[in-house]
Amino acid sequence: MVSRPHPTQGSEQAGTRPIIIFQNDLVSQFSTTTIAIPITTNQRRAALPICLPIEQGNGGLSQDSVALCFQMRVLDKTRLIRKIGQLSPEIISQLEDVVLLTLGYES
């Protein structure tokens, strides 16, 4: 998905950008909000254990990117613009591990 997470402050990711929706379908069905992980093309954080590199093409991404799991946030669904793709099961599994680590739960 792509979203507009405004307003932002400080080091929060701003602007229209790809995100990963990180919640199950049941929650999505009954909620007007969604849990989102912002994505950046800035490779500076790719090696951090709280981020996940994602190669170009996976999930419809046009460039090599990095999921910023430490900047997970809740967005109202009205901020969502369009779906650009779906991540592979392998990337989803890796993402789950990184999110658990980020939240203090070892997988």
PDB file of N, CA and C in Angstrom:
ATOM      1  N   MET A   1       0.837  -1.175   0.000  1.00  0.00           N
ATOM      2  CA  MET A   1       0.000   0.000   0.000  1.00  0.00           C
ATOM      3  C   MET A   1       0.885   1.241   0.000  1.00  0.00           C
ATOM      4  N   VAL A   2       0.302   2.327  -0.359  1.00  0.00           N
ATOM      5  CA  VAL A   2       0.962   3.624  -0.295  1.00  0.00           C
ATOM      6  C   VAL A   2       0.080   4.515   0.572  1.00  0.00           C
ATOM      7  N   SER A   3       0.686   5.308   1.442  1.00  0.00           N
ATOM      8  CA  SER A   3      -0.109   6.157   2.335  1.00  0.00           C
ATOM      9  C   SER A   3       0.486   7.545   2.462  1.00  0.00           C
ATOM     10  N   ARG A   4      -0.299   8.430   3.083  1.00  0.00           N
ATOM     11  CA  ARG A   4       0.140   9.781   3.437  1.00  0.00           C
ATOM     12  C   ARG A   4       0.051   9.920   4.954  1.00  0.00           C
ATOM     13  N   PRO A   5       1.106   9.570   5.695  1.00  0.00           N
ATOM     14  CA  PRO A   5       1.034   9.618   7.157  1.00  0.00           C
ATOM     15  C   PRO A   5       1.314  11.001   7.740  1.00  0.00           C
ATOM     16  N   HIS A   6       0.381  11.923   7.582  1.00  0.00           N
ATOM     17  CA  HIS A   6       0.558  13.290   8.095  1.00  0.00           C
ATOM     18  C   HIS A   6      -0.305  13.486   9.310  1.00  0.00           C
ATOM     19  N   PRO A   7      -0.042  14.348  10.222  1.00  0.00           N
ATOM     20  CA  PRO A   7       1.209  15.077  10.334  1.00  0.00           C
ATOM     21  C   PRO A   7       2.282  14.225  11.001  1.00  0.00           C
ATOM     22  N   THR A   8       3.510  14.579  10.771  1.00  0.00           N
ATOM     23  CA  THR A   8       4.626  13.882  11.410  1.00  0.00           C
ATOM     24  C   THR A   8       5.459  14.897  12.177  1.00  0.00           C
ATOM     25  N   GLN A   9       6.296  14.374  13.067  1.00  0.00           N
ATOM     26  CA  GLN A   9       7.179  15.235  13.851  1.00  0.00           C
ATOM     27  C   GLN A   9       8.541  14.588  13.948  1.00  0.00           C
ATOM     28  N   GLY A  10       9.556  15.399  14.119  1.00  0.00           N
ATOM     29  CA  GLY A  10      10.903  14.893  14.368  1.00  0.00           C
ATOM     30  C   GLY A  10      11.388  13.908  13.324  1.00  0.00           C
ATOM     31  N   SER A  11      11.778  12.717  13.772  1.00  0.00           N
ATOM     32  CA  SER A  11      12.369  11.698  12.894  1.00  0.00           C
ATOM     33  C   SER A  11      11.349  10.769  12.258  1.00  0.00           C
ATOM     34  N   GLU A  12      10.050  11.030  12.449  1.00  0.00           N
ATOM     35  CA  GLU A  12       9.034  10.175  11.835  1.00  0.00           C
ATOM     36  C   GLU A  12       9.104  10.290  10.317  1.00  0.00           C
ATOM     37  N   GLN A  13       8.802   9.190   9.633  1.00  0.00           N
ATOM     38  CA  GLN A  13       8.784   9.194   8.178  1.00  0.00           C
ATOM     39  C   GLN A  13       7.608  10.034   7.698  1.00  0.00           C
ATOM     40  N   ALA A  14       7.869  10.908   6.744  1.00  0.00           N
ATOM     41  CA  ALA A  14       6.840  11.815   6.246  1.00  0.00           C
ATOM     42  C   ALA A  14       6.650  11.626   4.750  1.00  0.00           C
ATOM     43  N   GLY A  15       5.604  12.230   4.236  1.00  0.00           N
ATOM     44  CA  GLY A  15       5.353  12.221   2.805  1.00  0.00           C
ATOM     45  C   GLY A  15       4.641  10.963   2.348  1.00  0.00           C
ATOM     46  N   THR A  16       4.247  10.981   1.086  1.00  0.00           N
ATOM     47  CA  THR A  16       3.601   9.816   0.492  1.00  0.00           C
ATOM     48  C   THR A  16       4.659   8.758   0.274  1.00  0.00           C
ATOM     49  N   ARG A  17       4.405   7.564   0.788  1.00  0.00           N
ATOM     50  CA  ARG A  17       5.417   6.509   0.710  1.00  0.00           C
ATOM     51  C   ARG A  17       4.765   5.148   0.783  1.00  0.00           C
ATOM     52  N   PRO A  18       5.501   4.115   0.325  1.00  0.00           N
ATOM     53  CA  PRO A  18       4.993   2.750   0.488  1.00  0.00           C
ATOM     54  C   PRO A  18       4.974   2.375   1.969  1.00  0.00           C
ATOM     55  N   ILE A  19       4.014   1.546   2.327  1.00  0.00           N
ATOM     56  CA  ILE A  19       3.934   0.995   3.678  1.00  0.00           C
ATOM     57  C   ILE A  19       3.620  -0.489   3.571  1.00  0.00           C
ATOM     58  N   ILE A  20       3.852  -1.193   4.653  1.00  0.00           N
ATOM     59  CA  ILE A  20       3.414  -2.579   4.776  1.00  0.00           C
ATOM     60  C   ILE A  20       2.274  -2.581   5.777  1.00  0.00           C
ATOM     61  N   ILE A  21       1.139  -3.128   5.394  1.00  0.00           N
ATOM     62  CA  ILE A  21       0.044  -3.298   6.342  1.00  0.00           C
ATOM     63  C   ILE A  21       0.357  -4.545   7.143  1.00  0.00           C
ATOM     64  N   PHE A  22       0.456  -4.385   8.466  1.00  0.00           N
ATOM     65  CA  PHE A  22       0.920  -5.461   9.335  1.00  0.00           C
ATOM     66  C   PHE A  22      -0.159  -5.825  10.348  1.00  0.00           C
ATOM     67  N   GLN A  23      -1.228  -6.405   9.857  1.00  0.00           N
ATOM     68  CA  GLN A  23      -2.282  -6.933  10.723  1.00  0.00           C
ATOM     69  C   GLN A  23      -3.038  -7.991   9.942  1.00  0.00           C
ATOM     70  N   ASN A  24      -3.757  -8.847  10.663  1.00  0.00           N
ATOM     71  CA  ASN A  24      -4.454  -9.923   9.967  1.00  0.00           C
ATOM     72  C   ASN A  24      -5.756  -9.425   9.339  1.00  0.00           C
ATOM     73  N   ASP A  25      -6.304 -10.241   8.457  1.00  0.00           N
ATOM     74  CA  ASP A  25      -7.493  -9.852   7.701  1.00  0.00           C
ATOM     75  C   ASP A  25      -8.705  -9.616   8.595  1.00  0.00           C
ATOM     76  N   LEU A  26      -8.824 -10.357   9.697  1.00  0.00           N
ATOM     77  CA  LEU A  26      -9.961 -10.185  10.601  1.00  0.00           C
ATOM     78  C   LEU A  26      -9.954  -8.785  11.210  1.00  0.00           C
ATOM     79  N   VAL A  27      -8.794  -8.345  11.662  1.00  0.00           N
ATOM     80  CA  VAL A  27      -8.684  -6.990  12.215  1.00  0.00           C
ATOM     81  C   VAL A  27      -9.014  -5.971  11.128  1.00  0.00           C
ATOM     82  N   SER A  28      -8.494  -6.183   9.938  1.00  0.00           N
ATOM     83  CA  SER A  28      -8.744  -5.254   8.832  1.00  0.00           C
ATOM     84  C   SER A  28     -10.228  -5.148   8.510  1.00  0.00           C
ATOM     85  N   GLN A  29     -10.932  -6.263   8.630  1.00  0.00           N
ATOM     86  CA  GLN A  29     -12.355  -6.302   8.298  1.00  0.00           C
ATOM     87  C   GLN A  29     -13.192  -5.440   9.243  1.00  0.00           C
ATOM     88  N   PHE A  30     -12.817  -5.377  10.508  1.00  0.00           N
ATOM     89  CA  PHE A  30     -13.649  -4.714  11.504  1.00  0.00           C
ATOM     90  C   PHE A  30     -13.111  -3.377  12.007  1.00  0.00           C
ATOM     91  N   SER A  31     -11.980  -2.940  11.514  1.00  0.00           N
ATOM     92  CA  SER A  31     -11.363  -1.718  12.024  1.00  0.00           C
ATOM     93  C   SER A  31     -11.301  -0.635  10.954  1.00  0.00           C
ATOM     94  N   THR A  32     -11.383   0.607  11.378  1.00  0.00           N
ATOM     95  CA  THR A  32     -11.227   1.734  10.449  1.00  0.00           C
ATOM     96  C   THR A  32      -9.784   2.220  10.408  1.00  0.00           C
ATOM     97  N   THR A  33      -8.928   1.543  11.172  1.00  0.00           N
ATOM     98  CA  THR A  33      -7.504   1.870  11.179  1.00  0.00           C
ATOM     99  C   THR A  33      -6.704   0.651  10.748  1.00  0.00           C
ATOM    100  N   THR A  34      -5.434   0.882  10.471  1.00  0.00           N
ATOM    101  CA  THR A  34      -4.547  -0.213  10.097  1.00  0.00           C
ATOM    102  C   THR A  34      -3.171   0.019  10.717  1.00  0.00           C
ATOM    103  N   ILE A  35      -2.485  -1.074  11.025  1.00  0.00           N
ATOM    104  CA  ILE A  35      -1.124  -0.995  11.547  1.00  0.00           C
ATOM    105  C   ILE A  35      -0.186  -0.988  10.347  1.00  0.00           C
ATOM    106  N   ALA A  36       0.667   0.025  10.267  1.00  0.00           N
ATOM    107  CA  ALA A  36       1.513   0.210   9.088  1.00  0.00           C
ATOM    108  C   ALA A  36       2.988   0.291   9.463  1.00  0.00           C
ATOM    109  N   ILE A  37       3.814  -0.289   8.604  1.00  0.00           N
ATOM    110  CA  ILE A  37       5.270  -0.182   8.722  1.00  0.00           C
ATOM    111  C   ILE A  37       5.748   0.629   7.519  1.00  0.00           C
ATOM    112  N   PRO A  38       6.353   1.796   7.748  1.00  0.00           N
ATOM    113  CA  PRO A  38       6.819   2.601   6.618  1.00  0.00           C
ATOM    114  C   PRO A  38       8.028   1.968   5.929  1.00  0.00           C
ATOM    115  N   ILE A  39       8.143   2.270   4.657  1.00  0.00           N
ATOM    116  CA  ILE A  39       9.241   1.763   3.832  1.00  0.00           C
ATOM    117  C   ILE A  39      10.015   2.957   3.287  1.00  0.00           C
ATOM    118  N   THR A  40      11.341   2.822   3.241  1.00  0.00           N
ATOM    119  CA  THR A  40      12.195   3.863   2.672  1.00  0.00           C
ATOM    120  C   THR A  40      13.136   3.235   1.648  1.00  0.00           C
ATOM    121  N   THR A  41      13.618   4.048   0.731  1.00  0.00           N
ATOM    122  CA  THR A  41      14.639   3.575  -0.210  1.00  0.00           C
ATOM    123  C   THR A  41      16.036   3.897   0.302  1.00  0.00           C
ATOM    124  N   ASN A  42      16.121   4.623   1.405  1.00  0.00           N
ATOM    125  CA  ASN A  42      17.407   4.952   2.018  1.00  0.00           C
ATOM    126  C   ASN A  42      17.999   3.683   2.633  1.00  0.00           C
ATOM    127  N   GLN A  43      19.086   3.205   2.079  1.00  0.00           N
ATOM    128  CA  GLN A  43      19.691   1.938   2.505  1.00  0.00           C
ATOM    129  C   GLN A  43      20.538   2.056   3.768  1.00  0.00           C
ATOM    130  N   ARG A  44      20.663   3.252   4.306  1.00  0.00           N
ATOM    131  CA  ARG A  44      21.494   3.501   5.483  1.00  0.00           C
ATOM    132  C   ARG A  44      21.133   2.601   6.663  1.00  0.00           C
ATOM    133  N   ARG A  45      19.856   2.286   6.821  1.00  0.00           N
ATOM    134  CA  ARG A  45      19.413   1.496   7.975  1.00  0.00           C
ATOM    135  C   ARG A  45      19.232   0.016   7.664  1.00  0.00           C
ATOM    136  N   ALA A  46      19.576  -0.409   6.474  1.00  0.00           N
ATOM    137  CA  ALA A  46      19.330  -1.793   6.050  1.00  0.00           C
ATOM    138  C   ALA A  46      19.974  -2.834   6.958  1.00  0.00           C
ATOM    139  N   ALA A  47      21.104  -2.514   7.565  1.00  0.00           N
ATOM    140  CA  ALA A  47      21.820  -3.485   8.397  1.00  0.00           C
ATOM    141  C   ALA A  47      21.332  -3.516   9.846  1.00  0.00           C
ATOM    142  N   LEU A  48      20.466  -2.588  10.219  1.00  0.00           N
ATOM    143  CA  LEU A  48      19.975  -2.565  11.596  1.00  0.00           C
ATOM    144  C   LEU A  48      19.066  -3.764  11.859  1.00  0.00           C
ATOM    145  N   PRO A  49      19.141  -4.366  13.041  1.00  0.00           N
ATOM    146  CA  PRO A  49      18.297  -5.530  13.336  1.00  0.00           C
ATOM    147  C   PRO A  49      16.816  -5.182  13.475  1.00  0.00           C
ATOM    148  N   ILE A  50      16.476  -3.893  13.555  1.00  0.00           N
ATOM    149  CA  ILE A  50      15.086  -3.461  13.684  1.00  0.00           C
ATOM    150  C   ILE A  50      14.501  -3.001  12.345  1.00  0.00           C
ATOM    151  N   CYS A  51      15.224  -3.294  11.269  1.00  0.00           N
ATOM    152  CA  CYS A  51      14.790  -2.975   9.909  1.00  0.00           C
ATOM    153  C   CYS A  51      14.923  -4.222   9.046  1.00  0.00           C
ATOM    154  N   LEU A  52      14.198  -4.241   7.932  1.00  0.00           N
ATOM    155  CA  LEU A  52      14.271  -5.384   7.024  1.00  0.00           C
ATOM    156  C   LEU A  52      14.478  -4.901   5.591  1.00  0.00           C
ATOM    157  N   PRO A  53      15.611  -5.264   4.969  1.00  0.00           N
ATOM    158  CA  PRO A  53      15.805  -4.931   3.556  1.00  0.00           C
ATOM    159  C   PRO A  53      14.826  -5.730   2.689  1.00  0.00           C
ATOM    160  N   ILE A  54      14.289  -5.088   1.674  1.00  0.00           N
ATOM    161  CA  ILE A  54      13.376  -5.742   0.732  1.00  0.00           C
ATOM    162  C   ILE A  54      13.857  -5.403  -0.670  1.00  0.00           C
ATOM    163  N   GLU A  55      14.108  -6.430  -1.467  1.00  0.00           N
ATOM    164  CA  GLU A  55      14.631  -6.211  -2.816  1.00  0.00           C
ATOM    165  C   GLU A  55      13.568  -5.650  -3.751  1.00  0.00           C
ATOM    166  N   GLN A  56      14.037  -4.880  -4.709  1.00  0.00           N
ATOM    167  CA  GLN A  56      13.193  -4.323  -5.761  1.00  0.00           C
ATOM    168  C   GLN A  56      12.334  -5.430  -6.362  1.00  0.00           C
ATOM    169  N   GLY A  57      11.078  -5.122  -6.653  1.00  0.00           N
ATOM    170  CA  GLY A  57      10.171  -6.086  -7.262  1.00  0.00           C
ATOM    171  C   GLY A  57       9.315  -6.820  -6.249  1.00  0.00           C
ATOM    172  N   ASN A  58       9.845  -7.084  -5.067  1.00  0.00           N
ATOM    173  CA  ASN A  58       9.048  -7.765  -4.052  1.00  0.00           C
ATOM    174  C   ASN A  58       8.001  -6.790  -3.528  1.00  0.00           C
ATOM    175  N   GLY A  59       6.765  -7.208  -3.499  1.00  0.00           N
ATOM    176  CA  GLY A  59       5.691  -6.339  -3.015  1.00  0.00           C
ATOM    177  C   GLY A  59       5.383  -5.176  -3.940  1.00  0.00           C
ATOM    178  N   GLY A  60       5.842  -5.251  -5.186  1.00  0.00           N
ATOM    179  CA  GLY A  60       5.592  -4.173  -6.132  1.00  0.00           C
ATOM    180  C   GLY A  60       6.508  -2.977  -5.971  1.00  0.00           C
ATOM    181  N   LEU A  61       7.570  -3.129  -5.178  1.00  0.00           N
ATOM    182  CA  LEU A  61       8.493  -2.009  -4.955  1.00  0.00           C
ATOM    183  C   LEU A  61       9.360  -1.764  -6.189  1.00  0.00           C
ATOM    184  N   SER A  62       9.528  -0.508  -6.561  1.00  0.00           N
ATOM    185  CA  SER A  62      10.290  -0.163  -7.763  1.00  0.00           C
ATOM    186  C   SER A  62      11.785  -0.021  -7.497  1.00  0.00           C
ATOM    187  N   GLN A  63      12.190  -0.016  -6.219  1.00  0.00           N
ATOM    188  CA  GLN A  63      13.604   0.102  -5.848  1.00  0.00           C
ATOM    189  C   GLN A  63      13.884  -0.785  -4.643  1.00  0.00           C
ATOM    190  N   ASP A  64      15.164  -1.128  -4.454  1.00  0.00           N
ATOM    191  CA  ASP A  64      15.545  -1.784  -3.210  1.00  0.00           C
ATOM    192  C   ASP A  64      15.111  -0.866  -2.071  1.00  0.00           C
ATOM    193  N   SER A  65      14.529  -1.453  -1.032  1.00  0.00           N
ATOM    194  CA  SER A  65      13.930  -0.655   0.034  1.00  0.00           C
ATOM    195  C   SER A  65      14.215  -1.262   1.397  1.00  0.00           C
ATOM    196  N   VAL A  66      13.813  -0.551   2.439  1.00  0.00           N
ATOM    197  CA  VAL A  66      14.004  -1.002   3.814  1.00  0.00           C
ATOM    198  C   VAL A  66      12.711  -0.755   4.588  1.00  0.00           C
ATOM    199  N   ALA A  67      12.196  -1.810   5.240  1.00  0.00           N
ATOM    200  CA  ALA A  67      11.034  -1.672   6.119  1.00  0.00           C
ATOM    201  C   ALA A  67      11.523  -1.180   7.475  1.00  0.00           C
ATOM    202  N   LEU A  68      10.997  -0.060   7.911  1.00  0.00           N
ATOM    203  CA  LEU A  68      11.408   0.565   9.173  1.00  0.00           C
ATOM    204  C   LEU A  68      10.496   0.067  10.297  1.00  0.00           C
ATOM    205  N   CYS A  69      10.761  -1.141  10.772  1.00  0.00           N
ATOM    206  CA  CYS A  69       9.882  -1.781  11.759  1.00  0.00           C
ATOM    207  C   CYS A  69       9.802  -1.005  13.067  1.00  0.00           C
ATOM    208  N   PHE A  70      10.833  -0.253  13.394  1.00  0.00           N
ATOM    209  CA  PHE A  70      10.835   0.528  14.631  1.00  0.00           C
ATOM    210  C   PHE A  70       9.961   1.778  14.527  1.00  0.00           C
ATOM    211  N   GLN A  71       9.413   2.051  13.333  1.00  0.00           N
ATOM    212  CA  GLN A  71       8.532   3.203  13.157  1.00  0.00           C
ATOM    213  C   GLN A  71       7.098   2.786  12.836  1.00  0.00           C
ATOM    214  N   MET A  72       6.727   1.585  13.264  1.00  0.00           N
ATOM    215  CA  MET A  72       5.369   1.099  13.083  1.00  0.00           C
ATOM    216  C   MET A  72       4.386   2.104  13.682  1.00  0.00           C
ATOM    217  N   ARG A  73       3.245   2.309  13.008  1.00  0.00           N
ATOM    218  CA  ARG A  73       2.237   3.219  13.550  1.00  0.00           C
ATOM    219  C   ARG A  73       0.852   2.831  13.060  1.00  0.00           C
ATOM    220  N   VAL A  74      -0.148   3.370  13.714  1.00  0.00           N
ATOM    221  CA  VAL A  74      -1.534   3.134  13.321  1.00  0.00           C
ATOM    222  C   VAL A  74      -1.973   4.288  12.427  1.00  0.00           C
ATOM    223  N   LEU A  75      -2.589   3.936  11.291  1.00  0.00           N
ATOM    224  CA  LEU A  75      -3.100   4.934  10.351  1.00  0.00           C
ATOM    225  C   LEU A  75      -4.592   4.723  10.143  1.00  0.00           C
ATOM    226  N   ASP A  76      -5.322   5.795   9.957  1.00  0.00           N
ATOM    227  CA  ASP A  76      -6.703   5.678   9.530  1.00  0.00           C
ATOM    228  C   ASP A  76      -6.701   5.189   8.087  1.00  0.00           C
ATOM    229  N   LYS A  77      -7.641   4.323   7.747  1.00  0.00           N
ATOM    230  CA  LYS A  77      -7.670   3.759   6.394  1.00  0.00           C
ATOM    231  C   LYS A  77      -7.894   4.818   5.318  1.00  0.00           C
ATOM    232  N   THR A  78      -8.407   5.989   5.689  1.00  0.00           N
ATOM    233  CA  THR A  78      -8.603   7.046   4.693  1.00  0.00           C
ATOM    234  C   THR A  78      -7.271   7.572   4.165  1.00  0.00           C
ATOM    235  N   ARG A  79      -6.172   7.297   4.863  1.00  0.00           N
ATOM    236  CA  ARG A  79      -4.840   7.721   4.400  1.00  0.00           C
ATOM    237  C   ARG A  79      -4.277   6.791   3.316  1.00  0.00           C
ATOM    238  N   LEU A  80      -4.870   5.615   3.151  1.00  0.00           N
ATOM    239  CA  LEU A  80      -4.361   4.661   2.165  1.00  0.00           C
ATOM    240  C   LEU A  80      -4.757   5.108   0.768  1.00  0.00           C
ATOM    241  N   ILE A  81      -3.820   5.019  -0.164  1.00  0.00           N
ATOM    242  CA  ILE A  81      -4.049   5.508  -1.520  1.00  0.00           C
ATOM    243  C   ILE A  81      -4.332   4.363  -2.483  1.00  0.00           C
ATOM    244  N   ARG A  82      -3.409   3.407  -2.571  1.00  0.00           N
ATOM    245  CA  ARG A  82      -3.593   2.288  -3.503  1.00  0.00           C
ATOM    246  C   ARG A  82      -2.697   1.126  -3.093  1.00  0.00           C
ATOM    247  N   LYS A  83      -3.083  -0.062  -3.489  1.00  0.00           N
ATOM    248  CA  LYS A  83      -2.269  -1.249  -3.252  1.00  0.00           C
ATOM    249  C   LYS A  83      -1.266  -1.365  -4.390  1.00  0.00           C
ATOM    250  N   ILE A  84      -0.004  -1.607  -4.036  1.00  0.00           N
ATOM    251  CA  ILE A  84       1.012  -1.738  -5.080  1.00  0.00           C
ATOM    252  C   ILE A  84       1.530  -3.164  -5.213  1.00  0.00           C
ATOM    253  N   GLY A  85       1.219  -4.040  -4.257  1.00  0.00           N
ATOM    254  CA  GLY A  85       1.694  -5.412  -4.363  1.00  0.00           C
ATOM    255  C   GLY A  85       1.540  -6.168  -3.067  1.00  0.00           C
ATOM    256  N   GLN A  86       2.057  -7.384  -3.078  1.00  0.00           N
ATOM    257  CA  GLN A  86       2.016  -8.246  -1.902  1.00  0.00           C
ATOM    258  C   GLN A  86       3.392  -8.863  -1.702  1.00  0.00           C
ATOM    259  N   LEU A  87       3.839  -8.885  -0.466  1.00  0.00           N
ATOM    260  CA  LEU A  87       5.148  -9.458  -0.148  1.00  0.00           C
ATOM    261  C   LEU A  87       5.108 -10.975  -0.231  1.00  0.00           C
ATOM    262  N   SER A  88       6.253 -11.563  -0.524  1.00  0.00           N
ATOM    263  CA  SER A  88       6.365 -13.022  -0.577  1.00  0.00           C
ATOM    264  C   SER A  88       6.227 -13.592   0.832  1.00  0.00           C
ATOM    265  N   PRO A  89       5.794 -14.852   0.961  1.00  0.00           N
ATOM    266  CA  PRO A  89       5.706 -15.482   2.286  1.00  0.00           C
ATOM    267  C   PRO A  89       7.043 -15.465   3.030  1.00  0.00           C
ATOM    268  N   GLU A  90       8.143 -15.602   2.309  1.00  0.00           N
ATOM    269  CA  GLU A  90       9.468 -15.575   2.939  1.00  0.00           C
ATOM    270  C   GLU A  90       9.743 -14.213   3.582  1.00  0.00           C
ATOM    271  N   ILE A  91       9.445 -13.144   2.870  1.00  0.00           N
ATOM    272  CA  ILE A  91       9.656 -11.793   3.410  1.00  0.00           C
ATOM    273  C   ILE A  91       8.710 -11.546   4.584  1.00  0.00           C
ATOM    274  N   ILE A  92       7.472 -12.000   4.483  1.00  0.00           N
ATOM    275  CA  ILE A  92       6.521 -11.828   5.585  1.00  0.00           C
ATOM    276  C   ILE A  92       7.034 -12.522   6.841  1.00  0.00           C
ATOM    277  N   SER A  93       7.570 -13.718   6.695  1.00  0.00           N
ATOM    278  CA  SER A  93       8.120 -14.452   7.840  1.00  0.00           C
ATOM    279  C   SER A  93       9.291 -13.693   8.464  1.00  0.00           C
ATOM    280  N   GLN A  94      10.179 -13.174   7.621  1.00  0.00           N
ATOM    281  CA  GLN A  94      11.309 -12.387   8.119  1.00  0.00           C
ATOM    282  C   GLN A  94      10.817 -11.118   8.818  1.00  0.00           C
ATOM    283  N   LEU A  95       9.806 -10.493   8.241  1.00  0.00           N
ATOM    284  CA  LEU A  95       9.239  -9.275   8.811  1.00  0.00           C
ATOM    285  C   LEU A  95       8.652  -9.555  10.200  1.00  0.00           C
ATOM    286  N   GLU A  96       7.951 -10.664  10.344  1.00  0.00           N
ATOM    287  CA  GLU A  96       7.398 -11.039  11.651  1.00  0.00           C
ATOM    288  C   GLU A  96       8.508 -11.154  12.690  1.00  0.00           C
ATOM    289  N   ASP A  97       9.622 -11.786  12.316  1.00  0.00           N
ATOM    290  CA  ASP A  97      10.753 -11.933  13.244  1.00  0.00           C
ATOM    291  C   ASP A  97      11.320 -10.575  13.655  1.00  0.00           C
ATOM    292  N   VAL A  98      11.470  -9.671  12.689  1.00  0.00           N
ATOM    293  CA  VAL A  98      12.034  -8.348  12.985  1.00  0.00           C
ATOM    294  C   VAL A  98      11.074  -7.542  13.867  1.00  0.00           C
ATOM    295  N   VAL A  99       9.778  -7.625  13.594  1.00  0.00           N
ATOM    296  CA  VAL A  99       8.803  -6.906  14.416  1.00  0.00           C
ATOM    297  C   VAL A  99       8.818  -7.440  15.847  1.00  0.00           C
ATOM    298  N   LEU A 100       8.869  -8.750  16.013  1.00  0.00           N
ATOM    299  CA  LEU A 100       8.932  -9.330  17.363  1.00  0.00           C
ATOM    300  C   LEU A 100      10.177  -8.846  18.103  1.00  0.00           C
ATOM    301  N   LEU A 101      11.303  -8.827  17.412  1.00  0.00           N
ATOM    302  CA  LEU A 101      12.539  -8.324  18.010  1.00  0.00           C
ATOM    303  C   LEU A 101      12.393  -6.850  18.395  1.00  0.00           C
ATOM    304  N   THR A 102      11.818  -6.063  17.500  1.00  0.00           N
ATOM    305  CA  THR A 102      11.623  -4.637  17.733  1.00  0.00           C
ATOM    306  C   THR A 102      10.752  -4.386  18.967  1.00  0.00           C
ATOM    307  N   LEU A 103       9.755  -5.243  19.159  1.00  0.00           N
ATOM    308  CA  LEU A 103       8.838  -5.090  20.292  1.00  0.00           C
ATOM    309  C   LEU A 103       9.351  -5.742  21.571  1.00  0.00           C
ATOM    310  N   GLY A 104      10.525  -6.365  21.482  1.00  0.00           N
ATOM    311  CA  GLY A 104      11.121  -6.967  22.670  1.00  0.00           C
ATOM    312  C   GLY A 104      10.786  -8.424  22.884  1.00  0.00           C
ATOM    313  N   TYR A 105      10.240  -9.081  21.857  1.00  0.00           N
ATOM    314  CA  TYR A 105       9.918 -10.505  21.927  1.00  0.00           C
ATOM    315  C   TYR A 105      10.843 -11.253  20.992  1.00  0.00           C
ATOM    316  N   GLU A 106      11.674 -12.108  21.528  1.00  0.00           N
ATOM    317  CA  GLU A 106      12.568 -12.902  20.683  1.00  0.00           C
ATOM    318  C   GLU A 106      11.751 -13.979  19.993  1.00  0.00           C
ATOM    319  N   SER A 107      12.005 -14.212  18.721  1.00  0.00           N
ATOM    320  CA  SER A 107      11.264 -15.242  17.983  1.00  0.00           C
ATOM    321  C   SER A 107      12.040 -16.536  17.940  1.00  0.00           C
TER     322      SER A 107
END
